[in-house]
Every structure is written in C-alpha cells, then in structure tokens.
N, C-alpha and C. Protein backbone atom coordinates (compact mmCIF):
# COMPACT_ATOMS: atom_id res chain seq x y z
N MET A 1 0.83 -1.17 0.00
CA MET A 1 0.00 0.00 0.00
C MET A 1 0.88 1.24 0.00
N ARG A 2 0.50 2.22 -0.79
CA ARG A 2 1.27 3.45 -0.95
C ARG A 2 0.83 4.50 0.07
N LYS A 3 1.80 5.21 0.64
CA LYS A 3 1.48 6.27 1.60
C LYS A 3 1.18 7.56 0.84
N ILE A 4 0.19 8.29 1.32
CA ILE A 4 -0.15 9.58 0.73
C ILE A 4 0.52 10.67 1.56
N ASN A 5 1.22 11.54 0.89
CA ASN A 5 1.90 12.64 1.57
C ASN A 5 0.97 13.86 1.59
N PHE A 6 0.21 13.98 2.69
CA PHE A 6 -0.75 15.08 2.82
C PHE A 6 -0.07 16.45 2.93
N ALA A 7 1.11 16.46 3.55
CA ALA A 7 1.80 17.74 3.74
C ALA A 7 2.15 18.36 2.39
N ARG A 8 2.63 17.56 1.46
CA ARG A 8 2.99 18.09 0.14
C ARG A 8 1.75 18.59 -0.61
N GLY A 9 0.67 17.84 -0.57
CA GLY A 9 -0.57 18.25 -1.23
C GLY A 9 -1.15 19.51 -0.61
N PHE A 10 -1.05 19.62 0.70
CA PHE A 10 -1.56 20.79 1.41
C PHE A 10 -0.81 22.04 0.97
N TRP A 11 0.52 21.97 0.93
CA TRP A 11 1.32 23.13 0.55
C TRP A 11 1.12 23.51 -0.91
N THR A 12 0.86 22.55 -1.75
CA THR A 12 0.59 22.84 -3.16
C THR A 12 -0.70 23.65 -3.28
N VAL A 13 -1.72 23.25 -2.52
CA VAL A 13 -2.99 23.97 -2.54
C VAL A 13 -2.81 25.38 -1.98
N VAL A 14 -2.07 25.53 -0.89
CA VAL A 14 -1.85 26.85 -0.28
C VAL A 14 -1.13 27.77 -1.26
N VAL A 15 -0.09 27.27 -1.91
CA VAL A 15 0.66 28.08 -2.87
C VAL A 15 -0.24 28.47 -4.05
N ALA A 16 -1.05 27.56 -4.54
CA ALA A 16 -1.94 27.86 -5.66
C ALA A 16 -2.95 28.93 -5.28
N VAL A 17 -3.53 28.83 -4.08
CA VAL A 17 -4.50 29.83 -3.62
C VAL A 17 -3.83 31.18 -3.46
N LEU A 18 -2.65 31.23 -2.85
CA LEU A 18 -1.94 32.50 -2.67
C LEU A 18 -1.56 33.13 -4.01
N LEU A 19 -1.11 32.32 -4.94
CA LEU A 19 -0.73 32.83 -6.25
C LEU A 19 -1.95 33.40 -6.99
N THR A 20 -3.05 32.68 -6.94
CA THR A 20 -4.28 33.14 -7.59
C THR A 20 -4.77 34.44 -6.96
N THR A 21 -4.77 34.50 -5.64
CA THR A 21 -5.21 35.71 -4.93
C THR A 21 -4.33 36.90 -5.28
N THR A 22 -3.03 36.68 -5.33
CA THR A 22 -2.10 37.76 -5.67
C THR A 22 -2.34 38.27 -7.08
N LEU A 23 -2.52 37.36 -8.02
CA LEU A 23 -2.75 37.77 -9.41
C LEU A 23 -4.05 38.54 -9.56
N VAL A 24 -5.11 38.08 -8.91
CA VAL A 24 -6.40 38.78 -8.97
C VAL A 24 -6.28 40.16 -8.33
N SER A 25 -5.60 40.26 -7.19
CA SER A 25 -5.44 41.55 -6.51
C SER A 25 -4.65 42.52 -7.37
N CYS A 26 -3.57 42.07 -7.98
CA CYS A 26 -2.76 42.95 -8.83
C CYS A 26 -3.56 43.42 -10.02
N ASP A 27 -4.38 42.55 -10.59
CA ASP A 27 -5.19 42.93 -11.74
C ASP A 27 -6.21 44.00 -11.36
N SER A 28 -6.83 43.86 -10.18
CA SER A 28 -7.83 44.86 -9.79
C SER A 28 -7.16 46.20 -9.48
N PHE A 29 -5.95 46.19 -8.90
CA PHE A 29 -5.25 47.45 -8.66
C PHE A 29 -4.91 48.12 -9.99
N LYS A 30 -4.51 47.32 -10.95
CA LYS A 30 -4.15 47.86 -12.26
C LYS A 30 -5.38 48.51 -12.90
N ARG A 31 -6.53 47.87 -12.81
CA ARG A 31 -7.75 48.42 -13.40
C ARG A 31 -8.16 49.72 -12.72
N LYS A 32 -8.01 49.79 -11.41
CA LYS A 32 -8.39 51.01 -10.71
C LYS A 32 -7.55 52.19 -11.18
N GLY A 33 -6.29 51.97 -11.46
CA GLY A 33 -5.43 53.04 -11.92
C GLY A 33 -5.76 53.48 -13.33
N VAL A 34 -6.27 52.58 -14.16
CA VAL A 34 -6.55 52.89 -15.55
C VAL A 34 -7.91 53.55 -15.71
N ASN A 35 -8.82 53.29 -14.79
CA ASN A 35 -10.18 53.79 -14.92
C ASN A 35 -10.21 55.32 -14.80
N LYS A 36 -10.48 55.98 -15.90
CA LYS A 36 -10.56 57.43 -15.90
C LYS A 36 -11.99 57.93 -15.75
N ASN A 37 -12.95 57.04 -15.73
CA ASN A 37 -14.36 57.42 -15.65
C ASN A 37 -14.87 57.30 -14.22
N TRP A 38 -14.14 57.88 -13.29
CA TRP A 38 -14.55 57.81 -11.89
C TRP A 38 -15.93 58.40 -11.75
N SER A 39 -16.76 57.74 -11.00
CA SER A 39 -18.08 58.32 -10.75
C SER A 39 -18.54 57.93 -9.36
N MET A 40 -19.41 58.76 -8.85
CA MET A 40 -19.98 58.55 -7.54
C MET A 40 -21.45 58.88 -7.63
N GLU A 41 -22.26 58.06 -6.99
CA GLU A 41 -23.70 58.30 -7.04
C GLU A 41 -24.27 58.28 -5.63
N VAL A 42 -25.11 59.26 -5.35
CA VAL A 42 -25.83 59.35 -4.08
C VAL A 42 -27.31 59.38 -4.42
N SER A 43 -28.07 58.50 -3.77
CA SER A 43 -29.48 58.38 -4.10
C SER A 43 -30.35 58.68 -2.87
N HIS A 44 -31.50 59.28 -3.14
CA HIS A 44 -32.48 59.55 -2.08
C HIS A 44 -33.80 58.89 -2.48
N PRO A 45 -34.19 57.80 -1.81
CA PRO A 45 -35.47 57.16 -2.12
C PRO A 45 -36.63 57.94 -1.49
N PHE A 46 -37.78 57.92 -2.16
CA PHE A 46 -38.97 58.58 -1.63
C PHE A 46 -39.88 57.53 -1.00
N PRO A 47 -40.15 57.64 0.30
CA PRO A 47 -41.04 56.68 0.95
C PRO A 47 -42.43 56.73 0.31
N ASN A 48 -43.02 55.59 0.10
CA ASN A 48 -44.36 55.46 -0.49
C ASN A 48 -44.46 56.14 -1.85
N THR A 49 -43.35 56.21 -2.57
CA THR A 49 -43.24 56.86 -3.88
C THR A 49 -43.86 58.26 -3.88
N ASN A 50 -43.67 59.00 -2.80
CA ASN A 50 -44.23 60.34 -2.69
C ASN A 50 -43.10 61.35 -2.48
N TRP A 51 -42.89 62.21 -3.47
CA TRP A 51 -41.96 63.31 -3.30
C TRP A 51 -42.74 64.40 -2.59
N ALA A 52 -42.77 64.31 -1.26
CA ALA A 52 -43.63 65.13 -0.41
C ALA A 52 -43.07 66.55 -0.24
N PHE A 53 -43.95 67.42 0.23
CA PHE A 53 -43.61 68.82 0.46
C PHE A 53 -42.41 68.95 1.41
N GLU A 54 -42.35 68.08 2.41
CA GLU A 54 -41.26 68.13 3.39
C GLU A 54 -39.90 67.89 2.74
N GLU A 55 -39.89 67.30 1.56
CA GLU A 55 -38.65 66.99 0.87
C GLU A 55 -38.49 67.85 -0.40
N GLU A 56 -39.03 69.06 -0.35
CA GLU A 56 -38.93 69.90 -1.54
C GLU A 56 -37.50 70.37 -1.78
N VAL A 57 -36.65 70.36 -0.75
CA VAL A 57 -35.23 70.64 -0.91
C VAL A 57 -34.45 69.41 -0.45
N LEU A 58 -33.66 68.87 -1.36
CA LEU A 58 -32.82 67.70 -1.06
C LEU A 58 -31.36 68.09 -1.24
N ASP A 59 -30.52 67.67 -0.30
CA ASP A 59 -29.09 67.96 -0.37
C ASP A 59 -28.31 66.67 -0.63
N PHE A 60 -27.36 66.76 -1.56
CA PHE A 60 -26.49 65.65 -1.90
C PHE A 60 -25.04 66.11 -1.74
N ASP A 61 -24.27 65.42 -0.91
CA ASP A 61 -22.86 65.74 -0.72
C ASP A 61 -22.00 64.79 -1.54
N PHE A 62 -20.94 65.32 -2.13
CA PHE A 62 -19.98 64.49 -2.85
C PHE A 62 -18.58 65.07 -2.70
N GLU A 63 -17.60 64.21 -2.79
CA GLU A 63 -16.20 64.57 -2.56
C GLU A 63 -15.46 64.76 -3.88
N ILE A 64 -14.73 65.85 -4.00
CA ILE A 64 -13.86 66.07 -5.15
C ILE A 64 -12.42 65.92 -4.66
N LYS A 65 -11.69 65.00 -5.29
CA LYS A 65 -10.31 64.72 -4.87
C LYS A 65 -9.29 65.15 -5.91
N ASP A 66 -9.75 65.62 -7.07
CA ASP A 66 -8.84 66.02 -8.14
C ASP A 66 -9.41 67.25 -8.83
N THR A 67 -8.72 68.38 -8.72
CA THR A 67 -9.22 69.62 -9.32
C THR A 67 -8.67 69.86 -10.72
N THR A 68 -7.91 68.91 -11.26
CA THR A 68 -7.37 69.08 -12.61
C THR A 68 -8.32 68.53 -13.67
N LYS A 69 -9.32 67.76 -13.26
CA LYS A 69 -10.24 67.14 -14.21
C LYS A 69 -11.54 67.92 -14.31
N TYR A 70 -12.26 67.67 -15.39
CA TYR A 70 -13.59 68.22 -15.59
C TYR A 70 -14.61 67.14 -15.26
N TYR A 71 -15.74 67.53 -14.67
CA TYR A 71 -16.75 66.58 -14.23
C TYR A 71 -18.11 66.93 -14.81
N ASP A 72 -18.95 65.91 -14.96
CA ASP A 72 -20.36 66.09 -15.28
C ASP A 72 -21.15 65.79 -14.02
N VAL A 73 -22.03 66.70 -13.64
CA VAL A 73 -22.92 66.48 -12.49
C VAL A 73 -24.31 66.22 -13.06
N THR A 74 -24.82 65.02 -12.81
CA THR A 74 -26.09 64.58 -13.37
C THR A 74 -27.10 64.33 -12.27
N VAL A 75 -28.34 64.70 -12.52
CA VAL A 75 -29.44 64.38 -11.62
C VAL A 75 -30.33 63.37 -12.35
N SER A 76 -30.63 62.26 -11.65
CA SER A 76 -31.45 61.19 -12.23
C SER A 76 -32.73 61.03 -11.43
N LEU A 77 -33.82 60.97 -12.13
CA LEU A 77 -35.13 60.80 -11.50
C LEU A 77 -35.71 59.47 -11.93
N LEU A 78 -36.01 58.61 -10.97
CA LEU A 78 -36.66 57.32 -11.23
C LEU A 78 -38.12 57.45 -10.80
N TYR A 79 -39.03 57.14 -11.72
CA TYR A 79 -40.45 57.34 -11.41
C TYR A 79 -41.30 56.29 -12.12
N ASP A 80 -42.55 56.18 -11.65
CA ASP A 80 -43.52 55.25 -12.21
C ASP A 80 -44.41 56.03 -13.19
N THR A 81 -44.30 55.70 -14.46
CA THR A 81 -45.03 56.45 -15.50
C THR A 81 -46.54 56.28 -15.39
N SER A 82 -47.00 55.22 -14.74
CA SER A 82 -48.44 55.00 -14.63
C SER A 82 -49.07 55.80 -13.49
N ILE A 83 -48.24 56.38 -12.62
CA ILE A 83 -48.77 57.11 -11.46
C ILE A 83 -48.52 58.61 -11.56
N VAL A 84 -47.36 59.01 -12.05
CA VAL A 84 -46.98 60.43 -12.06
C VAL A 84 -47.96 61.22 -12.93
N ALA A 85 -48.52 62.28 -12.34
CA ALA A 85 -49.48 63.11 -13.05
C ALA A 85 -48.83 64.36 -13.65
N LEU A 86 -47.67 64.73 -13.15
CA LEU A 86 -46.99 65.93 -13.64
C LEU A 86 -46.33 65.67 -14.99
N ARG A 87 -46.34 66.67 -15.84
CA ARG A 87 -45.63 66.56 -17.12
C ARG A 87 -44.28 67.24 -17.05
N VAL A 88 -44.17 68.26 -16.19
CA VAL A 88 -42.93 69.02 -16.05
C VAL A 88 -42.67 69.25 -14.56
N ILE A 89 -41.42 69.09 -14.16
CA ILE A 89 -41.02 69.44 -12.80
C ILE A 89 -39.94 70.51 -12.89
N PRO A 90 -40.23 71.73 -12.46
CA PRO A 90 -39.20 72.76 -12.45
C PRO A 90 -38.30 72.59 -11.21
N LEU A 91 -36.99 72.70 -11.43
CA LEU A 91 -36.03 72.54 -10.35
C LEU A 91 -35.07 73.72 -10.33
N THR A 92 -34.64 74.09 -9.13
CA THR A 92 -33.54 75.03 -8.96
C THR A 92 -32.43 74.25 -8.27
N LEU A 93 -31.24 74.31 -8.86
CA LEU A 93 -30.10 73.55 -8.35
C LEU A 93 -29.03 74.52 -7.87
N THR A 94 -28.55 74.28 -6.66
CA THR A 94 -27.50 75.12 -6.10
C THR A 94 -26.30 74.24 -5.78
N LEU A 95 -25.17 74.56 -6.39
CA LEU A 95 -23.93 73.82 -6.16
C LEU A 95 -23.07 74.68 -5.25
N THR A 96 -22.74 74.15 -4.06
CA THR A 96 -21.97 74.89 -3.07
C THR A 96 -20.62 74.22 -2.87
N SER A 97 -19.55 75.00 -2.99
CA SER A 97 -18.19 74.47 -2.81
C SER A 97 -17.81 74.54 -1.33
N PRO A 98 -16.71 73.89 -0.95
CA PRO A 98 -16.31 73.91 0.47
C PRO A 98 -16.04 75.31 1.02
N ASP A 99 -15.68 76.27 0.15
CA ASP A 99 -15.42 77.62 0.65
C ASP A 99 -16.68 78.49 0.69
N GLY A 100 -17.85 77.89 0.37
CA GLY A 100 -19.11 78.61 0.47
C GLY A 100 -19.59 79.25 -0.82
N MET A 101 -18.79 79.23 -1.88
CA MET A 101 -19.21 79.81 -3.16
C MET A 101 -20.34 78.97 -3.75
N GLN A 102 -21.33 79.65 -4.36
CA GLN A 102 -22.48 78.96 -4.91
C GLN A 102 -22.66 79.26 -6.39
N SER A 103 -23.14 78.23 -7.08
CA SER A 103 -23.52 78.36 -8.48
C SER A 103 -24.96 77.86 -8.59
N ILE A 104 -25.84 78.69 -9.16
CA ILE A 104 -27.26 78.36 -9.21
C ILE A 104 -27.69 78.15 -10.65
N ALA A 105 -28.45 77.08 -10.87
CA ALA A 105 -28.96 76.78 -12.21
C ALA A 105 -30.43 76.38 -12.09
N SER A 106 -31.18 76.62 -13.14
CA SER A 106 -32.58 76.18 -13.20
C SER A 106 -32.70 75.12 -14.29
N SER A 107 -33.58 74.17 -14.05
CA SER A 107 -33.80 73.12 -15.03
C SER A 107 -35.24 72.68 -14.94
N GLN A 108 -35.74 72.12 -16.02
CA GLN A 108 -37.07 71.55 -16.02
C GLN A 108 -36.96 70.10 -16.46
N PHE A 109 -37.55 69.22 -15.67
CA PHE A 109 -37.59 67.81 -16.03
C PHE A 109 -38.89 67.57 -16.79
N LEU A 110 -38.78 67.33 -18.08
CA LEU A 110 -39.94 67.02 -18.91
C LEU A 110 -40.20 65.52 -18.83
N LEU A 111 -41.31 65.13 -18.22
CA LEU A 111 -41.60 63.73 -17.95
C LEU A 111 -42.46 63.07 -19.01
N ASP A 112 -42.75 63.75 -20.08
CA ASP A 112 -43.56 63.21 -21.16
C ASP A 112 -42.65 62.45 -22.13
N SER A 113 -42.76 61.13 -22.12
CA SER A 113 -41.86 60.30 -22.94
C SER A 113 -42.08 60.49 -24.44
N LYS A 114 -43.24 61.00 -24.83
CA LYS A 114 -43.48 61.26 -26.25
C LYS A 114 -42.66 62.45 -26.74
N ASN A 115 -42.40 63.40 -25.84
CA ASN A 115 -41.67 64.62 -26.22
C ASN A 115 -40.24 64.65 -25.70
N ASN A 116 -39.87 63.71 -24.87
CA ASN A 116 -38.52 63.69 -24.32
C ASN A 116 -37.88 62.33 -24.59
N LYS A 117 -36.96 62.31 -25.52
CA LYS A 117 -36.30 61.05 -25.92
C LYS A 117 -35.21 60.62 -24.95
N ASP A 118 -34.89 61.43 -23.92
CA ASP A 118 -33.88 61.07 -22.93
C ASP A 118 -34.43 60.14 -21.85
N ILE A 119 -35.73 59.96 -21.81
CA ILE A 119 -36.35 59.07 -20.84
C ILE A 119 -36.14 57.63 -21.31
N ARG A 120 -35.68 56.78 -20.39
CA ARG A 120 -35.48 55.38 -20.75
C ARG A 120 -36.21 54.48 -19.76
N PRO A 121 -36.72 53.34 -20.24
CA PRO A 121 -37.41 52.42 -19.33
C PRO A 121 -36.44 51.80 -18.34
N GLU A 122 -36.95 51.45 -17.18
CA GLU A 122 -36.15 50.83 -16.13
C GLU A 122 -36.84 49.53 -15.72
N GLY A 123 -36.24 48.41 -16.04
CA GLY A 123 -36.80 47.12 -15.66
C GLY A 123 -37.98 46.74 -16.53
N ASN A 124 -38.79 45.80 -16.02
CA ASN A 124 -39.93 45.28 -16.76
C ASN A 124 -41.25 45.84 -16.27
N SER A 125 -41.22 47.03 -15.71
CA SER A 125 -42.45 47.62 -15.16
C SER A 125 -42.72 48.95 -15.86
N ASN A 126 -43.51 49.78 -15.21
CA ASN A 126 -43.82 51.11 -15.74
C ASN A 126 -42.78 52.15 -15.33
N ASN A 127 -41.70 51.71 -14.69
CA ASN A 127 -40.69 52.64 -14.21
C ASN A 127 -39.87 53.21 -15.37
N ALA A 128 -39.47 54.46 -15.20
CA ALA A 128 -38.64 55.14 -16.20
C ALA A 128 -37.60 55.98 -15.47
N VAL A 129 -36.49 56.26 -16.16
CA VAL A 129 -35.42 57.08 -15.61
C VAL A 129 -35.17 58.24 -16.56
N LEU A 130 -35.01 59.41 -15.97
CA LEU A 130 -34.63 60.59 -16.73
C LEU A 130 -33.34 61.13 -16.14
N ASP A 131 -32.27 61.14 -16.94
CA ASP A 131 -30.98 61.69 -16.54
C ASP A 131 -30.81 63.05 -17.18
N VAL A 132 -30.49 64.05 -16.36
CA VAL A 132 -30.24 65.40 -16.86
C VAL A 132 -28.89 65.84 -16.33
N VAL A 133 -27.98 66.17 -17.24
CA VAL A 133 -26.68 66.70 -16.84
C VAL A 133 -26.89 68.17 -16.53
N VAL A 134 -26.89 68.49 -15.24
CA VAL A 134 -27.22 69.84 -14.81
C VAL A 134 -25.99 70.75 -14.77
N TYR A 135 -24.82 70.19 -14.58
CA TYR A 135 -23.57 70.94 -14.64
C TYR A 135 -22.61 70.16 -15.54
N PRO A 136 -22.65 70.42 -16.86
CA PRO A 136 -21.75 69.68 -17.76
C PRO A 136 -20.34 70.27 -17.77
N HIS A 137 -19.39 69.37 -17.89
CA HIS A 137 -17.98 69.75 -18.09
C HIS A 137 -17.54 70.82 -17.08
N ARG A 138 -17.76 70.52 -15.82
CA ARG A 138 -17.52 71.47 -14.72
C ARG A 138 -16.15 71.21 -14.11
N LYS A 139 -15.36 72.25 -13.96
CA LYS A 139 -14.07 72.13 -13.28
C LYS A 139 -14.22 72.72 -11.88
N PHE A 140 -13.95 71.89 -10.88
CA PHE A 140 -14.06 72.33 -9.49
C PHE A 140 -12.73 72.93 -9.05
N LYS A 141 -12.79 74.07 -8.40
CA LYS A 141 -11.58 74.78 -7.98
C LYS A 141 -11.09 74.33 -6.61
N ASN A 142 -11.97 73.71 -5.83
CA ASN A 142 -11.62 73.34 -4.46
C ASN A 142 -11.73 71.84 -4.24
N LEU A 143 -10.77 71.29 -3.52
CA LEU A 143 -10.86 69.91 -3.07
C LEU A 143 -11.83 69.87 -1.89
N GLY A 144 -12.41 68.71 -1.65
CA GLY A 144 -13.25 68.55 -0.48
C GLY A 144 -14.70 68.25 -0.82
N THR A 145 -15.55 68.40 0.19
CA THR A 145 -16.95 68.07 0.07
C THR A 145 -17.75 69.22 -0.53
N HIS A 146 -18.40 68.93 -1.64
CA HIS A 146 -19.29 69.88 -2.30
C HIS A 146 -20.73 69.43 -2.04
N LYS A 147 -21.67 70.36 -2.16
CA LYS A 147 -23.07 70.02 -1.92
C LYS A 147 -23.92 70.49 -3.10
N LEU A 148 -24.78 69.60 -3.57
CA LEU A 148 -25.77 69.95 -4.58
C LEU A 148 -27.13 69.95 -3.89
N SER A 149 -27.79 71.11 -3.87
CA SER A 149 -29.14 71.22 -3.31
C SER A 149 -30.13 71.28 -4.46
N VAL A 150 -31.14 70.43 -4.40
CA VAL A 150 -32.18 70.37 -5.43
C VAL A 150 -33.47 70.87 -4.81
N TYR A 151 -33.99 71.96 -5.35
CA TYR A 151 -35.23 72.56 -4.86
C TYR A 151 -36.32 72.29 -5.89
N ARG A 152 -37.34 71.54 -5.48
CA ARG A 152 -38.48 71.21 -6.35
C ARG A 152 -39.51 72.32 -6.25
N ARG A 153 -39.81 72.92 -7.38
CA ARG A 153 -40.74 74.04 -7.40
C ARG A 153 -42.13 73.64 -7.90
N ALA A 154 -42.47 72.39 -7.78
CA ALA A 154 -43.79 71.93 -8.24
C ALA A 154 -44.88 72.56 -7.39
N GLU A 155 -46.03 72.78 -7.99
CA GLU A 155 -47.13 73.47 -7.31
C GLU A 155 -47.83 72.58 -6.28
N LYS A 156 -47.87 71.28 -6.53
CA LYS A 156 -48.57 70.38 -5.61
C LYS A 156 -47.69 70.04 -4.41
N ALA A 157 -48.30 69.87 -3.24
CA ALA A 157 -47.56 69.53 -2.03
C ALA A 157 -47.04 68.09 -2.09
N ASP A 158 -47.88 67.17 -2.49
CA ASP A 158 -47.51 65.77 -2.59
C ASP A 158 -47.48 65.37 -4.06
N ASN A 159 -46.45 64.64 -4.43
CA ASN A 159 -46.28 64.21 -5.81
C ASN A 159 -46.01 62.71 -5.82
N TYR A 160 -47.02 61.92 -6.12
CA TYR A 160 -46.90 60.47 -6.07
C TYR A 160 -46.34 59.89 -7.36
N GLY A 161 -45.69 58.74 -7.21
CA GLY A 161 -45.13 58.02 -8.34
C GLY A 161 -43.62 58.19 -8.47
N PHE A 162 -43.03 59.02 -7.64
CA PHE A 162 -41.58 59.22 -7.70
C PHE A 162 -40.89 58.23 -6.77
N ILE A 163 -39.93 57.50 -7.31
CA ILE A 163 -39.26 56.43 -6.56
C ILE A 163 -37.98 56.94 -5.91
N SER A 164 -37.14 57.64 -6.66
CA SER A 164 -35.90 58.17 -6.10
C SER A 164 -35.33 59.28 -6.97
N LEU A 165 -34.50 60.09 -6.32
CA LEU A 165 -33.75 61.12 -7.01
C LEU A 165 -32.28 60.86 -6.66
N SER A 166 -31.43 60.87 -7.68
CA SER A 166 -30.00 60.58 -7.47
C SER A 166 -29.15 61.66 -8.10
N THR A 167 -27.97 61.82 -7.55
CA THR A 167 -26.94 62.68 -8.12
C THR A 167 -25.75 61.81 -8.46
N LYS A 168 -25.23 62.00 -9.67
CA LYS A 168 -24.06 61.25 -10.11
C LYS A 168 -23.01 62.25 -10.58
N VAL A 169 -21.78 62.07 -10.09
CA VAL A 169 -20.67 62.92 -10.48
C VAL A 169 -19.65 62.02 -11.17
N SER A 170 -19.32 62.35 -12.42
CA SER A 170 -18.38 61.52 -13.17
C SER A 170 -17.43 62.39 -13.97
N VAL A 171 -16.27 61.82 -14.28
CA VAL A 171 -15.29 62.55 -15.07
C VAL A 171 -15.86 62.76 -16.47
N ALA A 172 -15.81 64.00 -16.93
CA ALA A 172 -16.36 64.35 -18.25
C ALA A 172 -15.52 63.72 -19.35
N GLN A 173 -16.19 63.34 -20.41
CA GLN A 173 -15.49 62.73 -21.56
C GLN A 173 -15.05 63.75 -22.56
C-alpha cells in the first residue's frame, strides 16, 4: 500500500491559492489606476413613492479629490409612469463648494416620454429614468466636500409616483 503525503498536497494547494489571490489583486489594482471614468452616485429614495412637500429641498454631498479634471454632475429621477401626473417638474439647483461659493442653475424635467427622448425604461415595469446633466464639463476649484441642493418648485404639495432622485458625479469625456 502506498502512503499519501498530505503535507505536500496541502502546501501545493496553499501556494496555488496565494498565487491566484495575488494575481487577482494585482489585476484589480491595475484596473483602478486605468479607470478614468470615476463616478460617484448618491441616491435619495422617496417613501411610499411620494416626493412630499417636506422633501422639496434635497441635499447631496460628494467629494472632489482632483481639481485638474472636468466633471459632469447629473441628476437622475426614477419614477412610475403609470402614477406620475406631472408633465414638467421645475427645479432650482445650487452647487456649493467647500469655501461657500455657490452656483445656481434652473432646469425643467420634462416627464412626457413622447416629447422627451432622454427618458429610458427601467426594468420590466412602468418605471422610467430621466438623466439630466445639470452641470456639464464642470471644473471644481476646491478639493473637499461639495453640496448639490435640489429645490423642487412643483405646485402640488404631494407628488406620487416618484421612486428616487440621485446625483451622479463623473469625469467628463
């Protein structure tokens, strides 16, 4: 009967696992360095799909770590097309830098999919997403935490059918 050398087999498995782990780790570090499309997304879900009066101003904080690049700041609205009664949502957006400087912009979210080709379906339901680049190709002068405040100027106090509002900051192409 032949003896099985478990110690040799054990060390072979350990070396194989360590080698595989090292190669996978090095590959992921390499990809992180190459990725120039850094993006960050902050989302605010609406309870009971109601963008209520109490939430007419929403604040989103994001960190800028590189002031040499240009960024796109996008606001995304996820909503249920079968419930939302509004056709247009007027918004005022205020971008505040860490030193207190503000930039104010106005935008209107046109929710009519017949007239707005930027609306895309989300999943297999009546949900749709509208992405609006509110600050395109923006160069930030200050490192640190910036804040985007979104003020909803809709006339109704309660607005049902809205699932979430998100802010996405990505390196401009």
